[in-house]
C-alpha atoms as a PDB file:
ATOM      1  CA  MET A   1     172.361  85.646 175.144  1.00  0.00           C
ATOM      2  CA  LYS A   2     172.050  82.079 173.726  1.00  0.00           C
ATOM      3  CA  ARG A   3     175.826  81.949 173.341  1.00  0.00           C
ATOM      4  CA  LEU A   4     176.444  82.843 176.815  1.00  0.00           C
ATOM      5  CA  ASN A   5     173.916  80.143 177.957  1.00  0.00           C
ATOM      6  CA  LEU A   6     175.931  77.599 175.864  1.00  0.00           C
ATOM      7  CA  LEU A   7     179.160  78.759 177.083  1.00  0.00           C
ATOM      8  CA  SER A   8     177.937  78.396 180.685  1.00  0.00           C
ATOM      9  CA  VAL A   9     176.731  74.959 180.171  1.00  0.00           C
ATOM     10  CA  ILE A  10     180.018  73.913 178.730  1.00  0.00           C
ATOM     11  CA  PHE A  11     181.975  75.719 181.411  1.00  0.00           C
ATOM     12  CA  ALA A  12     179.959  74.008 184.222  1.00  0.00           C
ATOM     13  CA  LEU A  13     180.357  70.423 182.508  1.00  0.00           C
ATOM     14  CA  THR A  14     184.134  70.975 182.164  1.00  0.00           C
ATOM     15  CA  VAL A  15     184.683  72.253 185.708  1.00  0.00           C
ATOM     16  CA  GLY A  16     182.357  69.266 187.023  1.00  0.00           C
ATOM     17  CA  ASN A  17     184.463  66.790 185.104  1.00  0.00           C
ATOM     18  CA  LEU A  18     187.533  68.151 186.651  1.00  0.00           C
ATOM     19  CA  PHE A  19     186.253  67.785 190.127  1.00  0.00           C
ATOM     20  CA  GLY A  20     184.554  64.448 189.395  1.00  0.00           C
ATOM     21  CA  GLN A  21     180.816  65.495 189.596  1.00  0.00           C
ATOM     22  CA  ASN A  22     178.308  63.146 187.752  1.00  0.00           C
ATOM     23  CA  ILE A  23     177.515  64.803 184.369  1.00  0.00           C
ATOM     24  CA  PRO A  24     173.907  63.736 184.053  1.00  0.00           C
ATOM     25  CA  GLU A  25     173.155  65.278 187.433  1.00  0.00           C
ATOM     26  CA  GLN A  26     174.811  68.525 186.349  1.00  0.00           C
ATOM     27  CA  LEU A  27     172.855  68.560 183.234  1.00  0.00           C
ATOM     28  CA  GLU A  28     169.371  68.089 184.884  1.00  0.00           C
ATOM     29  CA  SER A  29     170.432  70.764 187.472  1.00  0.00           C
ATOM     30  CA  ILE A  30     171.356  73.343 184.836  1.00  0.00           C
ATOM     31  CA  ALA A  31     168.157  72.228 182.655  1.00  0.00           C
ATOM     32  CA  ASP A  32     166.022  72.482 185.676  1.00  0.00           C
ATOM     33  CA  SER A  33     167.188  75.944 186.658  1.00  0.00           C
ATOM     34  CA  TYR A  34     166.398  77.245 183.244  1.00  0.00           C
ATOM     35  CA  TYR A  35     162.983  75.539 183.309  1.00  0.00           C
ATOM     36  CA  GLU A  36     162.152  77.336 186.818  1.00  0.00           C
ATOM     37  CA  LYS A  37     162.749  80.659 185.081  1.00  0.00           C
ATOM     38  CA  SER A  38     160.493  79.801 182.212  1.00  0.00           C
ATOM     39  CA  GLU A  39     163.386  79.793 179.704  1.00  0.00           C
ATOM     40  CA  LEU A  40     162.982  76.134 178.828  1.00  0.00           C
ATOM     41  CA  ASN A  41     160.048  74.297 176.994  1.00  0.00           C
ATOM     42  CA  GLY A  42     161.121  71.262 175.259  1.00  0.00           C
ATOM     43  CA  THR A  43     163.135  68.070 175.178  1.00  0.00           C
ATOM     44  CA  ILE A  44     166.829  67.561 175.811  1.00  0.00           C
ATOM     45  CA  LEU A  45     169.027  64.557 174.570  1.00  0.00           C
ATOM     46  CA  VAL A  46     172.795  64.603 175.272  1.00  0.00           C
ATOM     47  CA  ALA A  47     174.718  61.779 173.858  1.00  0.00           C
ATOM     48  CA  ASP A  48     178.251  60.684 173.714  1.00  0.00           C
ATOM     49  CA  CYS A  49     178.499  58.214 170.648  1.00  0.00           C
ATOM     50  CA  ASP A  50     175.776  55.609 171.153  1.00  0.00           C
ATOM     51  CA  GLN A  51     175.406  56.434 175.012  1.00  0.00           C
ATOM     52  CA  ILE A  52     172.677  58.669 176.322  1.00  0.00           C
ATOM     53  CA  LEU A  53     173.993  60.975 179.071  1.00  0.00           C
ATOM     54  CA  PHE A  54     170.857  62.809 179.679  1.00  0.00           C
ATOM     55  CA  GLU A  55     167.324  62.826 178.307  1.00  0.00           C
ATOM     56  CA  LYS A  56     164.390  64.767 179.773  1.00  0.00           C
ATOM     57  CA  SER A  57     161.108  66.681 178.794  1.00  0.00           C
ATOM     58  CA  TYR A  58     160.210  70.040 180.350  1.00  0.00           C
ATOM     59  CA  GLY A  59     156.856  72.142 179.867  1.00  0.00           C
ATOM     60  CA  LEU A  60     153.759  71.617 177.861  1.00  0.00           C
ATOM     61  CA  ALA A  61     153.305  70.421 174.225  1.00  0.00           C
ATOM     62  CA  ASN A  62     149.930  71.901 174.031  1.00  0.00           C
ATOM     63  CA  THR A  63     148.990  74.552 176.345  1.00  0.00           C
ATOM     64  CA  GLU A  64     145.439  74.698 175.301  1.00  0.00           C
ATOM     65  CA  LYS A  65     144.839  71.059 176.237  1.00  0.00           C
ATOM     66  CA  ASN A  66     147.603  71.032 179.117  1.00  0.00           C
ATOM     67  CA  ILE A  67     149.447  68.064 177.437  1.00  0.00           C
ATOM     68  CA  SER A  68     152.986  67.612 178.710  1.00  0.00           C
ATOM     69  CA  ASN A  69     156.095  67.264 176.553  1.00  0.00           C
ATOM     70  CA  ASN A  70     157.624  63.799 176.786  1.00  0.00           C
ATOM     71  CA  ILE A  71     160.631  62.016 175.079  1.00  0.00           C
ATOM     72  CA  ASP A  72     158.101  61.077 172.177  1.00  0.00           C
ATOM     73  CA  THR A  73     156.787  64.563 171.396  1.00  0.00           C
ATOM     74  CA  LYS A  74     157.098  65.676 167.883  1.00  0.00           C
ATOM     75  CA  PHE A  75     158.403  69.118 167.269  1.00  0.00           C
ATOM     76  CA  MET A  76     158.095  71.141 164.181  1.00  0.00           C
ATOM     77  CA  ILE A  77     161.381  72.656 163.883  1.00  0.00           C
ATOM     78  CA  GLY A  78     161.989  73.290 160.114  1.00  0.00           C
END
């Protein structure tokens, strides 16, 4: 399922590029749709070399204290 989601994002960005759509707006639209379906909680950063194309946080970092994720939220991923 995760592979299918990644492929759909890549396809959407490729098609959008061909038709001149704004990539940051496309990324936000895709991420927002996943968040609305409760399939996304965290922070997304998409960059091309040294240029940030998209950066946004979604959901809660701490559900007990109702603290939102933000760009500086530390995640234990390893």
